[in-house]
Amino acid sequence: MTFSKILKIDLIMYRFLVFFLTFSFFVNSFAKDRDICCSGNAISLPNYNSSLMSQFCKDKWSKRGVLDKFMYDFCLEQNEDYYKDLKYTLSINQKIPGLDKILENAIQKWYRKWAWWMVSVEVNSHIEGYLDVQYIMSNGGSLEKLRKCKSQWLNENNPDWSMVSFCLEN
């Protein structure tokens, strides 16, 4: 490998790292757009809005009026991929109790600043937590401890399966 190829790879990795670290300062944002909503008890994933994503990525990757085209394209691609993954994940895990509220909370918490990437990460962490709970219980986990953990971490407005799993393991 030539030095210029190594330098180009390092630059790509640097931009990739900057992409994820840039958002770490915006943890407590809430979605207020009318395009982002969830309804009732059914799992309701909003439609992917490419014009909203385009504006989101443009805003994130423009500095002093200059668009970083590489990162803009990367942002668009990543958010579309995470949206598709989230849609599929929701379709195969519909029976998880509270998943509708988990999705709604993840959208409210993460969408405005992180778009679909962190929404997907948040929902997946709860799904993994639920699957871990099932595994623990099928391998001799304590019903008493499960009841205690569920009463502590599952409620109608904020079901947290990742914490139920953590509680059971500790």
C-alpha atoms as a PDB file:
ATOM      1  CA  MET A   1       0.000   0.000   0.000  1.00  0.00           C
ATOM      2  CA  THR A   2       1.300   3.417  -0.876  1.00  0.00           C
ATOM      3  CA  PHE A   3       1.528   6.253   1.573  1.00  0.00           C
ATOM      4  CA  SER A   4      -1.174   8.233  -0.264  1.00  0.00           C
ATOM      5  CA  LYS A   5      -3.631   5.318  -0.003  1.00  0.00           C
ATOM      6  CA  ILE A   6      -2.925   4.960   3.715  1.00  0.00           C
ATOM      7  CA  LEU A   7      -3.424   8.708   4.151  1.00  0.00           C
ATOM      8  CA  LYS A   8      -6.734   8.574   2.260  1.00  0.00           C
ATOM      9  CA  ILE A   9      -7.962   5.654   4.421  1.00  0.00           C
ATOM     10  CA  ASP A  10      -6.922   7.555   7.562  1.00  0.00           C
ATOM     11  CA  LEU A  11      -8.878  10.595   6.364  1.00  0.00           C
ATOM     12  CA  ILE A  12     -11.982   8.488   5.722  1.00  0.00           C
ATOM     13  CA  MET A  13     -11.707   6.880   9.170  1.00  0.00           C
ATOM     14  CA  TYR A  14     -11.213  10.318  10.731  1.00  0.00           C
ATOM     15  CA  ARG A  15     -14.353  11.667   9.027  1.00  0.00           C
ATOM     16  CA  PHE A  16     -16.298   8.586  10.094  1.00  0.00           C
ATOM     17  CA  LEU A  17     -15.200   9.093  13.706  1.00  0.00           C
ATOM     18  CA  VAL A  18     -16.052  12.803  13.582  1.00  0.00           C
ATOM     19  CA  PHE A  19     -19.511  11.915  12.235  1.00  0.00           C
ATOM     20  CA  PHE A  20     -20.402   9.914  15.350  1.00  0.00           C
ATOM     21  CA  LEU A  21     -18.632  12.104  17.887  1.00  0.00           C
ATOM     22  CA  THR A  22     -20.266  15.272  16.571  1.00  0.00           C
ATOM     23  CA  PHE A  23     -23.638  14.107  17.803  1.00  0.00           C
ATOM     24  CA  SER A  24     -22.549  13.090  21.300  1.00  0.00           C
ATOM     25  CA  PHE A  25     -23.153  16.610  22.602  1.00  0.00           C
ATOM     26  CA  PHE A  26     -26.845  16.536  21.702  1.00  0.00           C
ATOM     27  CA  VAL A  27     -28.283  13.802  23.871  1.00  0.00           C
ATOM     28  CA  ASN A  28     -31.420  15.413  25.320  1.00  0.00           C
ATOM     29  CA  SER A  29     -33.363  16.588  22.265  1.00  0.00           C
ATOM     30  CA  PHE A  30     -36.991  15.956  21.506  1.00  0.00           C
ATOM     31  CA  ALA A  31     -38.711  15.508  18.156  1.00  0.00           C
ATOM     32  CA  LYS A  32     -41.384  18.120  17.583  1.00  0.00           C
ATOM     33  CA  ASP A  33     -41.840  17.827  13.822  1.00  0.00           C
ATOM     34  CA  ARG A  34     -45.341  16.857  12.758  1.00  0.00           C
ATOM     35  CA  ASP A  35     -43.726  14.219  10.506  1.00  0.00           C
ATOM     36  CA  ILE A  36     -42.515  12.379  13.588  1.00  0.00           C
ATOM     37  CA  CYS A  37     -45.324  10.866  15.611  1.00  0.00           C
ATOM     38  CA  CYS A  38     -46.452   7.663  17.090  1.00  0.00           C
ATOM     39  CA  SER A  39     -49.985   6.605  17.804  1.00  0.00           C
ATOM     40  CA  GLY A  40     -51.998   4.377  20.091  1.00  0.00           C
ATOM     41  CA  ASN A  41     -50.953   0.880  21.077  1.00  0.00           C
ATOM     42  CA  ALA A  42     -49.873  -0.278  17.620  1.00  0.00           C
ATOM     43  CA  ILE A  43     -46.274   0.129  16.529  1.00  0.00           C
ATOM     44  CA  SER A  44     -46.289   3.095  14.181  1.00  0.00           C
ATOM     45  CA  LEU A  45     -43.001   3.912  12.469  1.00  0.00           C
ATOM     46  CA  PRO A  46     -43.259   7.173  10.535  1.00  0.00           C
ATOM     47  CA  ASN A  47     -42.533   6.986   6.822  1.00  0.00           C
ATOM     48  CA  TYR A  48     -38.975   7.715   5.774  1.00  0.00           C
ATOM     49  CA  ASN A  49     -38.891  11.325   4.654  1.00  0.00           C
ATOM     50  CA  SER A  50     -35.979  11.755   2.245  1.00  0.00           C
ATOM     51  CA  SER A  51     -36.333  15.539   2.042  1.00  0.00           C
ATOM     52  CA  LEU A  52     -36.200  15.810   5.861  1.00  0.00           C
ATOM     53  CA  MET A  53     -33.134  13.536   5.911  1.00  0.00           C
ATOM     54  CA  SER A  54     -31.487  15.532   3.156  1.00  0.00           C
ATOM     55  CA  GLN A  55     -31.963  18.750   5.138  1.00  0.00           C
ATOM     56  CA  PHE A  56     -30.835  17.045   8.356  1.00  0.00           C
ATOM     57  CA  CYS A  57     -27.595  15.806   6.754  1.00  0.00           C
ATOM     58  CA  LYS A  58     -27.015  19.124   4.987  1.00  0.00           C
ATOM     59  CA  ASP A  59     -27.341  20.994   8.285  1.00  0.00           C
ATOM     60  CA  LYS A  60     -25.051  18.537  10.078  1.00  0.00           C
ATOM     61  CA  TRP A  61     -22.321  18.565   7.463  1.00  0.00           C
ATOM     62  CA  SER A  62     -22.166  22.190   6.402  1.00  0.00           C
ATOM     63  CA  LYS A  63     -19.657  24.471   8.025  1.00  0.00           C
ATOM     64  CA  ARG A  64     -19.582  28.185   7.284  1.00  0.00           C
ATOM     65  CA  GLY A  65     -21.771  27.550   4.242  1.00  0.00           C
ATOM     66  CA  VAL A  66     -19.577  24.793   2.773  1.00  0.00           C
ATOM     67  CA  LEU A  67     -21.060  21.302   2.522  1.00  0.00           C
ATOM     68  CA  ASP A  68     -18.802  18.310   3.198  1.00  0.00           C
ATOM     69  CA  LYS A  69     -20.208  16.219   0.351  1.00  0.00           C
ATOM     70  CA  PHE A  70     -18.517  12.983   1.480  1.00  0.00           C
ATOM     71  CA  MET A  71     -20.036  13.169   4.970  1.00  0.00           C
ATOM     72  CA  TYR A  72     -23.381  14.388   3.622  1.00  0.00           C
ATOM     73  CA  ASP A  73     -23.625  11.324   1.353  1.00  0.00           C
ATOM     74  CA  PHE A  74     -22.474   9.085   4.197  1.00  0.00           C
ATOM     75  CA  CYS A  75     -25.092  10.591   6.524  1.00  0.00           C
ATOM     76  CA  LEU A  76     -27.891  10.033   3.991  1.00  0.00           C
ATOM     77  CA  GLU A  77     -26.850   6.448   3.338  1.00  0.00           C
ATOM     78  CA  GLN A  78     -26.454   5.585   7.017  1.00  0.00           C
ATOM     79  CA  ASN A  79     -29.800   7.038   8.040  1.00  0.00           C
ATOM     80  CA  GLU A  80     -31.634   5.252   5.249  1.00  0.00           C
ATOM     81  CA  ASP A  81     -29.933   1.967   6.182  1.00  0.00           C
ATOM     82  CA  TYR A  82     -30.739   2.389   9.882  1.00  0.00           C
ATOM     83  CA  TYR A  83     -34.351   3.224   9.041  1.00  0.00           C
ATOM     84  CA  LYS A  84     -34.673   0.052   6.927  1.00  0.00           C
ATOM     85  CA  ASP A  85     -33.046  -2.027   9.674  1.00  0.00           C
ATOM     86  CA  LEU A  86     -35.366  -0.507  12.276  1.00  0.00           C
ATOM     87  CA  LYS A  87     -38.428  -1.186  10.147  1.00  0.00           C
ATOM     88  CA  TYR A  88     -37.417  -4.831   9.719  1.00  0.00           C
ATOM     89  CA  THR A  89     -36.512  -5.240  13.399  1.00  0.00           C
ATOM     90  CA  LEU A  90     -39.882  -3.857  14.472  1.00  0.00           C
ATOM     91  CA  SER A  91     -41.714  -6.165  12.067  1.00  0.00           C
ATOM     92  CA  ILE A  92     -40.150  -9.317  13.532  1.00  0.00           C
ATOM     93  CA  ASN A  93     -40.423  -8.243  17.187  1.00  0.00           C
ATOM     94  CA  GLN A  94     -43.976  -6.880  17.353  1.00  0.00           C
ATOM     95  CA  LYS A  95     -44.946  -9.047  20.326  1.00  0.00           C
ATOM     96  CA  ILE A  96     -42.463  -7.497  22.737  1.00  0.00           C
ATOM     97  CA  PRO A  97     -44.496  -5.781  25.466  1.00  0.00           C
ATOM     98  CA  GLY A  98     -44.164  -1.999  25.350  1.00  0.00           C
ATOM     99  CA  LEU A  99     -42.343  -1.882  22.002  1.00  0.00           C
ATOM    100  CA  ASP A 100     -44.705   0.812  20.712  1.00  0.00           C
ATOM    101  CA  LYS A 101     -43.835   3.062  23.649  1.00  0.00           C
ATOM    102  CA  ILE A 102     -40.115   2.198  23.361  1.00  0.00           C
ATOM    103  CA  LEU A 103     -40.178   3.368  19.732  1.00  0.00           C
ATOM    104  CA  GLU A 104     -42.111   6.513  20.591  1.00  0.00           C
ATOM    105  CA  ASN A 105     -39.689   7.377  23.414  1.00  0.00           C
ATOM    106  CA  ALA A 106     -36.642   6.674  21.225  1.00  0.00           C
ATOM    107  CA  ILE A 107     -37.971   8.984  18.512  1.00  0.00           C
ATOM    108  CA  GLN A 108     -38.688  11.736  21.033  1.00  0.00           C
ATOM    109  CA  LYS A 109     -35.294  11.336  22.677  1.00  0.00           C
ATOM    110  CA  TRP A 110     -32.980  10.877  19.695  1.00  0.00           C
ATOM    111  CA  TYR A 111     -34.503  11.774  16.325  1.00  0.00           C
ATOM    112  CA  ARG A 112     -33.995  15.542  16.336  1.00  0.00           C
ATOM    113  CA  LYS A 113     -30.195  15.387  16.725  1.00  0.00           C
ATOM    114  CA  TRP A 114     -29.218  11.852  15.699  1.00  0.00           C
ATOM    115  CA  ALA A 115     -31.971  10.942  13.209  1.00  0.00           C
ATOM    116  CA  TRP A 116     -32.611   7.234  12.631  1.00  0.00           C
ATOM    117  CA  TRP A 117     -29.200   6.000  13.769  1.00  0.00           C
ATOM    118  CA  MET A 118     -29.736   6.469  17.510  1.00  0.00           C
ATOM    119  CA  VAL A 119     -33.450   5.658  17.334  1.00  0.00           C
ATOM    120  CA  SER A 120     -32.455   2.283  15.915  1.00  0.00           C
ATOM    121  CA  VAL A 121     -29.722   1.765  18.514  1.00  0.00           C
ATOM    122  CA  GLU A 122     -32.127   2.597  21.363  1.00  0.00           C
ATOM    123  CA  VAL A 123     -34.900   0.294  20.124  1.00  0.00           C
ATOM    124  CA  ASN A 124     -32.423  -2.519  19.486  1.00  0.00           C
ATOM    125  CA  SER A 125     -31.009  -2.239  23.011  1.00  0.00           C
ATOM    126  CA  HIS A 126     -34.500  -2.798  24.441  1.00  0.00           C
ATOM    127  CA  ILE A 127     -35.182  -5.710  22.103  1.00  0.00           C
ATOM    128  CA  GLU A 128     -31.882  -7.311  23.108  1.00  0.00           C
ATOM    129  CA  GLY A 129     -32.772  -6.713  26.755  1.00  0.00           C
ATOM    130  CA  TYR A 130     -36.116  -8.473  26.278  1.00  0.00           C
ATOM    131  CA  LEU A 131     -34.443 -11.416  24.520  1.00  0.00           C
ATOM    132  CA  ASP A 132     -31.859 -11.595  27.325  1.00  0.00           C
ATOM    133  CA  VAL A 133     -34.664 -11.705  29.899  1.00  0.00           C
ATOM    134  CA  GLN A 134     -36.318 -14.561  28.001  1.00  0.00           C
ATOM    135  CA  TYR A 135     -33.014 -16.438  27.883  1.00  0.00           C
ATOM    136  CA  ILE A 136     -32.269 -15.879  31.572  1.00  0.00           C
ATOM    137  CA  MET A 137     -35.724 -17.055  32.573  1.00  0.00           C
ATOM    138  CA  SER A 138     -35.575 -20.135  30.334  1.00  0.00           C
ATOM    139  CA  ASN A 139     -32.326 -21.081  32.045  1.00  0.00           C
ATOM    140  CA  GLY A 140     -33.526 -21.042  35.620  1.00  0.00           C
ATOM    141  CA  GLY A 141     -33.820 -17.319  36.380  1.00  0.00           C
ATOM    142  CA  SER A 142     -35.642 -16.349  39.556  1.00  0.00           C
ATOM    143  CA  LEU A 143     -39.314 -15.403  39.111  1.00  0.00           C
ATOM    144  CA  GLU A 144     -39.148 -13.353  42.284  1.00  0.00           C
ATOM    145  CA  LYS A 145     -36.199 -11.360  40.979  1.00  0.00           C
ATOM    146  CA  LEU A 146     -37.929 -10.948  37.597  1.00  0.00           C
ATOM    147  CA  ARG A 147     -41.031  -9.509  39.308  1.00  0.00           C
ATOM    148  CA  LYS A 148     -38.853  -7.113  41.311  1.00  0.00           C
ATOM    149  CA  CYS A 149     -36.906  -5.982  38.230  1.00  0.00           C
ATOM    150  CA  LYS A 150     -40.050  -5.595  36.126  1.00  0.00           C
ATOM    151  CA  SER A 151     -41.771  -3.536  38.814  1.00  0.00           C
ATOM    152  CA  GLN A 152     -38.728  -1.297  39.006  1.00  0.00           C
ATOM    153  CA  TRP A 153     -38.032  -0.834  35.271  1.00  0.00           C
ATOM    154  CA  LEU A 154     -41.239  -1.482  33.337  1.00  0.00           C
ATOM    155  CA  ASN A 155     -43.991   1.072  33.391  1.00  0.00           C
ATOM    156  CA  GLU A 156     -46.593   2.104  30.856  1.00  0.00           C
ATOM    157  CA  ASN A 157     -44.839   5.326  29.843  1.00  0.00           C
ATOM    158  CA  ASN A 158     -41.247   4.120  29.859  1.00  0.00           C
ATOM    159  CA  PRO A 159     -40.729   0.356  29.526  1.00  0.00           C
ATOM    160  CA  ASP A 160     -36.997  -0.362  29.840  1.00  0.00           C
ATOM    161  CA  TRP A 161     -36.190  -3.968  28.940  1.00  0.00           C
ATOM    162  CA  SER A 162     -32.457  -3.294  28.839  1.00  0.00           C
ATOM    163  CA  MET A 163     -32.569  -2.336  32.522  1.00  0.00           C
ATOM    164  CA  VAL A 164     -34.748  -5.344  33.410  1.00  0.00           C
ATOM    165  CA  SER A 165     -32.067  -7.523  31.829  1.00  0.00           C
ATOM    166  CA  PHE A 166     -29.285  -5.679  33.670  1.00  0.00           C
ATOM    167  CA  CYS A 167     -31.223  -5.964  36.931  1.00  0.00           C
ATOM    168  CA  LEU A 168     -31.657  -9.726  36.472  1.00  0.00           C
ATOM    169  CA  GLU A 169     -27.984 -10.243  35.717  1.00  0.00           C
ATOM    170  CA  ASN A 170     -26.773  -8.316  38.778  1.00  0.00           C
END
